[in-house]
Amino acid sequence: MDCKTVMAPIKTELYADEPAAKMIDFMVERHMGLVPVTERDGTFAGLVSGDSMMRFLLPKAVSMMSRVKGGMKNASYLDEQPEEMQERLDNLRGRTIGEMVDRDSGTVGPETPLIDALMMITDKQYVVPVVDDTDKLVGAISFFSVLYALHEEHDREKAHEAKLVECEKRSKDKAAAGEAEE
């Protein structure tokens, strides 16, 4: 079995030169903790993960200390206020997506044997981008896309439609909650 057999197509693109605010909103709306990013020409730029974003939300001193050999395991002595974290998130929103991209993410080609992608997933790269021979992003493989492909009754288009309906429902619920507050 090859990677094109199980890869999920990438329908929504996030570009490296766009504001990080778009990516943050995308991750929240889609409940995705790891997203592929492309350049404007469609070439794969890298992945942005929830963990890397969390590092940007840490106080600078803690972030620097955690990089020291042995790392920092506990910072509970800090009296972190929600406003301080919100300020860091607001600052993050103004940066570009490209500033947060892990450009060392491994990729596979459509013809690559699936076992190679599975090995990457078990090695803690939870999404494996699939790129063509010109480095254009054509899809991605995750634990879920493998399960979907192996499930004989699964219809990828129906699953995608159901996901879009759920996202639209959440947006409407969020808008209704916002109107209720006013």
C-alpha atoms as a PDB file:
ATOM      1  CA  MET A   1       0.000   0.000   0.000  1.00  0.00           C
ATOM      2  CA  ASP A   2       1.309   3.460  -0.850  1.00  0.00           C
ATOM      3  CA  CYS A   3       0.769   6.880   0.703  1.00  0.00           C
ATOM      4  CA  LYS A   4      -1.643   8.195  -1.941  1.00  0.00           C
ATOM      5  CA  THR A   5      -4.041   5.380  -1.002  1.00  0.00           C
ATOM      6  CA  VAL A   6      -4.580   6.697   2.534  1.00  0.00           C
ATOM      7  CA  MET A   7      -3.651  10.376   2.406  1.00  0.00           C
ATOM      8  CA  ALA A   8      -6.295  12.965   3.131  1.00  0.00           C
ATOM      9  CA  PRO A   9      -6.383  15.833   0.650  1.00  0.00           C
ATOM     10  CA  ILE A  10      -5.560  19.270   2.044  1.00  0.00           C
ATOM     11  CA  LYS A  11      -8.512  21.537   1.261  1.00  0.00           C
ATOM     12  CA  THR A  12      -7.751  24.612   3.347  1.00  0.00           C
ATOM     13  CA  GLU A  13      -4.395  26.235   2.843  1.00  0.00           C
ATOM     14  CA  LEU A  14      -2.447  28.289   5.313  1.00  0.00           C
ATOM     15  CA  TYR A  15       0.355  30.334   3.786  1.00  0.00           C
ATOM     16  CA  ALA A  16       3.646  31.110   5.502  1.00  0.00           C
ATOM     17  CA  ASP A  17       3.329  34.841   4.747  1.00  0.00           C
ATOM     18  CA  GLU A  18      -0.127  35.200   6.350  1.00  0.00           C
ATOM     19  CA  PRO A  19      -0.741  36.520   9.864  1.00  0.00           C
ATOM     20  CA  ALA A  20      -0.566  33.900  12.597  1.00  0.00           C
ATOM     21  CA  ALA A  21      -4.053  35.040  13.654  1.00  0.00           C
ATOM     22  CA  LYS A  22      -5.486  33.134  10.674  1.00  0.00           C
ATOM     23  CA  MET A  23      -3.675  29.962  11.721  1.00  0.00           C
ATOM     24  CA  ILE A  24      -4.716  30.295  15.370  1.00  0.00           C
ATOM     25  CA  ASP A  25      -8.361  30.741  14.359  1.00  0.00           C
ATOM     26  CA  PHE A  26      -8.080  27.793  11.957  1.00  0.00           C
ATOM     27  CA  MET A  27      -6.636  25.542  14.678  1.00  0.00           C
ATOM     28  CA  VAL A  28      -9.357  26.538  17.156  1.00  0.00           C
ATOM     29  CA  GLU A  29     -12.233  26.179  14.677  1.00  0.00           C
ATOM     30  CA  ARG A  30     -11.050  22.829  13.332  1.00  0.00           C
ATOM     31  CA  HIS A  31      -9.726  21.463  16.641  1.00  0.00           C
ATOM     32  CA  MET A  32      -6.427  20.709  14.943  1.00  0.00           C
ATOM     33  CA  GLY A  33      -3.189  20.682  16.897  1.00  0.00           C
ATOM     34  CA  LEU A  34      -0.883  20.177  13.939  1.00  0.00           C
ATOM     35  CA  VAL A  35      -1.344  21.872  10.581  1.00  0.00           C
ATOM     36  CA  PRO A  36       0.627  21.919   7.338  1.00  0.00           C
ATOM     37  CA  VAL A  37       1.667  25.287   5.908  1.00  0.00           C
ATOM     38  CA  THR A  38       2.596  26.124   2.310  1.00  0.00           C
ATOM     39  CA  GLU A  39       4.256  28.939   0.446  1.00  0.00           C
ATOM     40  CA  ARG A  40       2.056  30.854  -2.021  1.00  0.00           C
ATOM     41  CA  ASP A  41       3.220  28.634  -4.893  1.00  0.00           C
ATOM     42  CA  GLY A  42       1.896  25.552  -3.065  1.00  0.00           C
ATOM     43  CA  THR A  43       5.284  24.200  -2.001  1.00  0.00           C
ATOM     44  CA  PHE A  44       5.349  22.711   1.456  1.00  0.00           C
ATOM     45  CA  ALA A  45       6.802  25.118   4.067  1.00  0.00           C
ATOM     46  CA  GLY A  46       6.455  22.989   7.205  1.00  0.00           C
ATOM     47  CA  LEU A  47       4.170  22.155  10.108  1.00  0.00           C
ATOM     48  CA  VAL A  48       2.899  24.242  12.996  1.00  0.00           C
ATOM     49  CA  SER A  49       2.041  22.341  16.153  1.00  0.00           C
ATOM     50  CA  GLY A  50       0.110  23.213  19.260  1.00  0.00           C
ATOM     51  CA  ASP A  51       3.186  22.483  21.387  1.00  0.00           C
ATOM     52  CA  SER A  52       5.340  24.928  19.451  1.00  0.00           C
ATOM     53  CA  MET A  53       2.610  27.542  19.815  1.00  0.00           C
ATOM     54  CA  MET A  54       2.497  26.949  23.565  1.00  0.00           C
ATOM     55  CA  ARG A  55       6.207  27.740  23.751  1.00  0.00           C
ATOM     56  CA  PHE A  56       5.416  31.164  22.288  1.00  0.00           C
ATOM     57  CA  LEU A  57       2.848  31.697  25.060  1.00  0.00           C
ATOM     58  CA  LEU A  58       5.295  31.029  27.879  1.00  0.00           C
ATOM     59  CA  PRO A  59       6.921  33.989  29.624  1.00  0.00           C
ATOM     60  CA  LYS A  60      10.216  34.754  27.887  1.00  0.00           C
ATOM     61  CA  ALA A  61      12.296  33.856  30.971  1.00  0.00           C
ATOM     62  CA  VAL A  62      10.625  30.453  31.283  1.00  0.00           C
ATOM     63  CA  SER A  63      11.005  29.811  27.571  1.00  0.00           C
ATOM     64  CA  MET A  64      14.724  30.588  27.732  1.00  0.00           C
ATOM     65  CA  MET A  65      15.231  28.470  30.864  1.00  0.00           C
ATOM     66  CA  SER A  66      13.473  25.481  29.301  1.00  0.00           C
ATOM     67  CA  ARG A  67      16.114  25.414  26.534  1.00  0.00           C
ATOM     68  CA  VAL A  68      18.956  25.030  29.024  1.00  0.00           C
ATOM     69  CA  LYS A  69      20.314  21.484  29.405  1.00  0.00           C
ATOM     70  CA  GLY A  70      18.034  19.558  31.753  1.00  0.00           C
ATOM     71  CA  GLY A  71      15.260  22.063  31.097  1.00  0.00           C
ATOM     72  CA  MET A  72      12.855  23.678  33.479  1.00  0.00           C
ATOM     73  CA  LYS A  73      10.205  21.318  34.747  1.00  0.00           C
ATOM     74  CA  ASN A  74       8.296  23.595  37.092  1.00  0.00           C
ATOM     75  CA  ALA A  75       7.524  27.303  37.020  1.00  0.00           C
ATOM     76  CA  SER A  76       4.673  27.340  39.532  1.00  0.00           C
ATOM     77  CA  TYR A  77       6.489  30.030  41.504  1.00  0.00           C
ATOM     78  CA  LEU A  78       5.403  32.519  38.822  1.00  0.00           C
ATOM     79  CA  ASP A  79       2.160  34.318  39.476  1.00  0.00           C
ATOM     80  CA  GLU A  80       0.940  34.209  35.870  1.00  0.00           C
ATOM     81  CA  GLN A  81      -2.067  36.410  35.183  1.00  0.00           C
ATOM     82  CA  PRO A  82      -4.518  35.695  32.332  1.00  0.00           C
ATOM     83  CA  GLU A  83      -3.935  39.207  30.961  1.00  0.00           C
ATOM     84  CA  GLU A  84      -0.217  38.467  30.545  1.00  0.00           C
ATOM     85  CA  MET A  85      -0.895  35.307  28.558  1.00  0.00           C
ATOM     86  CA  GLN A  86      -3.548  37.121  26.512  1.00  0.00           C
ATOM     87  CA  GLU A  87      -1.009  39.843  25.690  1.00  0.00           C
ATOM     88  CA  ARG A  88       1.470  37.217  24.448  1.00  0.00           C
ATOM     89  CA  LEU A  89      -1.284  35.589  22.338  1.00  0.00           C
ATOM     90  CA  ASP A  90      -2.221  38.984  20.872  1.00  0.00           C
ATOM     91  CA  ASN A  91       1.443  39.603  20.014  1.00  0.00           C
ATOM     92  CA  LEU A  92       1.643  36.147  18.450  1.00  0.00           C
ATOM     93  CA  ARG A  93      -1.390  36.907  16.259  1.00  0.00           C
ATOM     94  CA  GLY A  94       0.540  39.769  14.672  1.00  0.00           C
ATOM     95  CA  ARG A  95       3.465  37.596  13.594  1.00  0.00           C
ATOM     96  CA  THR A  96       3.509  35.556  10.398  1.00  0.00           C
ATOM     97  CA  ILE A  97       2.724  31.875  10.239  1.00  0.00           C
ATOM     98  CA  GLY A  98       6.155  31.312   8.719  1.00  0.00           C
ATOM     99  CA  GLU A  99       7.819  32.459  11.948  1.00  0.00           C
ATOM    100  CA  MET A 100       6.252  29.496  13.761  1.00  0.00           C
ATOM    101  CA  VAL A 101       6.689  26.801  11.138  1.00  0.00           C
ATOM    102  CA  ASP A 102       8.852  23.762  11.828  1.00  0.00           C
ATOM    103  CA  ARG A 103      10.661  23.605   8.503  1.00  0.00           C
ATOM    104  CA  ASP A 104      12.390  20.325   9.379  1.00  0.00           C
ATOM    105  CA  SER A 105       9.227  18.235   9.155  1.00  0.00           C
ATOM    106  CA  GLY A 106       9.601  14.987   7.288  1.00  0.00           C
ATOM    107  CA  THR A 107       7.583  14.412   4.136  1.00  0.00           C
ATOM    108  CA  VAL A 108       6.722  11.496   1.882  1.00  0.00           C
ATOM    109  CA  GLY A 109       5.724  11.220  -1.760  1.00  0.00           C
ATOM    110  CA  PRO A 110       2.435   9.776  -3.043  1.00  0.00           C
ATOM    111  CA  GLU A 111       4.217   6.612  -4.224  1.00  0.00           C
ATOM    112  CA  THR A 112       6.139   6.140  -0.947  1.00  0.00           C
ATOM    113  CA  PRO A 113       5.251   2.868   0.792  1.00  0.00           C
ATOM    114  CA  LEU A 114       2.770   3.553   3.588  1.00  0.00           C
ATOM    115  CA  ILE A 115       5.003   1.765   6.093  1.00  0.00           C
ATOM    116  CA  ASP A 116       7.499   4.671   5.841  1.00  0.00           C
ATOM    117  CA  ALA A 117       4.793   7.188   6.826  1.00  0.00           C
ATOM    118  CA  LEU A 118       3.635   4.904   9.637  1.00  0.00           C
ATOM    119  CA  MET A 119       7.185   4.800  10.997  1.00  0.00           C
ATOM    120  CA  MET A 120       7.255   8.624  11.010  1.00  0.00           C
ATOM    121  CA  ILE A 121       3.928   8.731  12.872  1.00  0.00           C
ATOM    122  CA  THR A 122       5.170   6.284  15.509  1.00  0.00           C
ATOM    123  CA  ASP A 123       8.269   8.457  15.842  1.00  0.00           C
ATOM    124  CA  LYS A 124       5.993  11.291  17.080  1.00  0.00           C
ATOM    125  CA  GLN A 125       5.386  13.169  13.825  1.00  0.00           C
ATOM    126  CA  TYR A 126       1.625  12.882  14.057  1.00  0.00           C
ATOM    127  CA  VAL A 127       0.912  14.342  10.622  1.00  0.00           C
ATOM    128  CA  VAL A 128       3.033  13.360   7.648  1.00  0.00           C
ATOM    129  CA  PRO A 129       2.734  15.756   4.695  1.00  0.00           C
ATOM    130  CA  VAL A 130       2.577  14.167   1.248  1.00  0.00           C
ATOM    131  CA  VAL A 131       4.363  16.200  -1.417  1.00  0.00           C
ATOM    132  CA  ASP A 132       4.794  15.617  -5.137  1.00  0.00           C
ATOM    133  CA  ASP A 133       8.115  15.656  -6.968  1.00  0.00           C
ATOM    134  CA  THR A 134       8.037  19.492  -7.134  1.00  0.00           C
ATOM    135  CA  ASP A 135       7.533  19.708  -3.336  1.00  0.00           C
ATOM    136  CA  LYS A 136       3.889  20.784  -3.706  1.00  0.00           C
ATOM    137  CA  LEU A 137       1.673  19.717  -0.819  1.00  0.00           C
ATOM    138  CA  VAL A 138      -0.923  17.234  -2.107  1.00  0.00           C
ATOM    139  CA  GLY A 139      -2.179  15.668   1.115  1.00  0.00           C
ATOM    140  CA  ALA A 140      -1.359  14.439   4.583  1.00  0.00           C
ATOM    141  CA  ILE A 141      -1.378  11.174   6.471  1.00  0.00           C
ATOM    142  CA  SER A 142      -2.329  10.849  10.111  1.00  0.00           C
ATOM    143  CA  PHE A 143      -3.472   8.114  12.427  1.00  0.00           C
ATOM    144  CA  PHE A 144      -7.063   8.983  11.477  1.00  0.00           C
ATOM    145  CA  SER A 145      -6.522   8.921   7.714  1.00  0.00           C
ATOM    146  CA  VAL A 146      -4.981   5.455   8.054  1.00  0.00           C
ATOM    147  CA  LEU A 147      -7.963   4.240  10.100  1.00  0.00           C
ATOM    148  CA  TYR A 148     -10.418   5.795   7.633  1.00  0.00           C
ATOM    149  CA  ALA A 149      -8.687   4.100   4.701  1.00  0.00           C
ATOM    150  CA  LEU A 150      -8.793   0.732   6.428  1.00  0.00           C
ATOM    151  CA  HIS A 151     -12.419   1.035   7.489  1.00  0.00           C
ATOM    152  CA  GLU A 152     -14.343  -0.614   4.653  1.00  0.00           C
ATOM    153  CA  GLU A 153     -17.513   1.445   5.040  1.00  0.00           C
ATOM    154  CA  HIS A 154     -15.751   4.790   5.279  1.00  0.00           C
ATOM    155  CA  ASP A 155     -16.563   7.425   2.690  1.00  0.00           C
ATOM    156  CA  ARG A 156     -14.018  10.262   2.925  1.00  0.00           C
ATOM    157  CA  GLU A 157     -16.298  12.804   1.225  1.00  0.00           C
ATOM    158  CA  LYS A 158     -19.189  12.058   3.612  1.00  0.00           C
ATOM    159  CA  ALA A 159     -16.833  12.382   6.587  1.00  0.00           C
ATOM    160  CA  HIS A 160     -15.524  15.701   5.275  1.00  0.00           C
ATOM    161  CA  GLU A 161     -19.073  16.987   4.713  1.00  0.00           C
ATOM    162  CA  ALA A 162     -20.058  15.966   8.245  1.00  0.00           C
ATOM    163  CA  LYS A 163     -17.013  17.792   9.608  1.00  0.00           C
ATOM    164  CA  LEU A 164     -17.949  20.964   7.676  1.00  0.00           C
ATOM    165  CA  VAL A 165     -21.525  20.785   8.974  1.00  0.00           C
ATOM    166  CA  GLU A 166     -20.202  20.459  12.539  1.00  0.00           C
ATOM    167  CA  CYS A 167     -17.854  23.450  12.061  1.00  0.00           C
ATOM    168  CA  GLU A 168     -20.714  25.531  10.650  1.00  0.00           C
ATOM    169  CA  LYS A 169     -22.917  24.565  13.616  1.00  0.00           C
ATOM    170  CA  ARG A 170     -20.153  25.622  16.046  1.00  0.00           C
ATOM    171  CA  SER A 171     -19.798  28.957  14.236  1.00  0.00           C
ATOM    172  CA  LYS A 172     -23.551  29.582  14.442  1.00  0.00           C
ATOM    173  CA  ASP A 173     -23.604  28.610  18.122  1.00  0.00           C
ATOM    174  CA  LYS A 174     -20.673  30.954  18.766  1.00  0.00           C
ATOM    175  CA  ALA A 175     -22.409  33.806  16.907  1.00  0.00           C
ATOM    176  CA  ALA A 176     -25.651  33.185  18.810  1.00  0.00           C
ATOM    177  CA  ALA A 177     -23.733  33.217  22.120  1.00  0.00           C
ATOM    178  CA  GLY A 178     -22.118  36.521  21.106  1.00  0.00           C
ATOM    179  CA  GLU A 179     -25.514  38.056  20.290  1.00  0.00           C
ATOM    180  CA  ALA A 180     -26.918  36.863  23.616  1.00  0.00           C
ATOM    181  CA  GLU A 181     -24.106  38.699  25.452  1.00  0.00           C
ATOM    182  CA  GLU A 182     -25.008  41.990  23.742  1.00  0.00           C
END
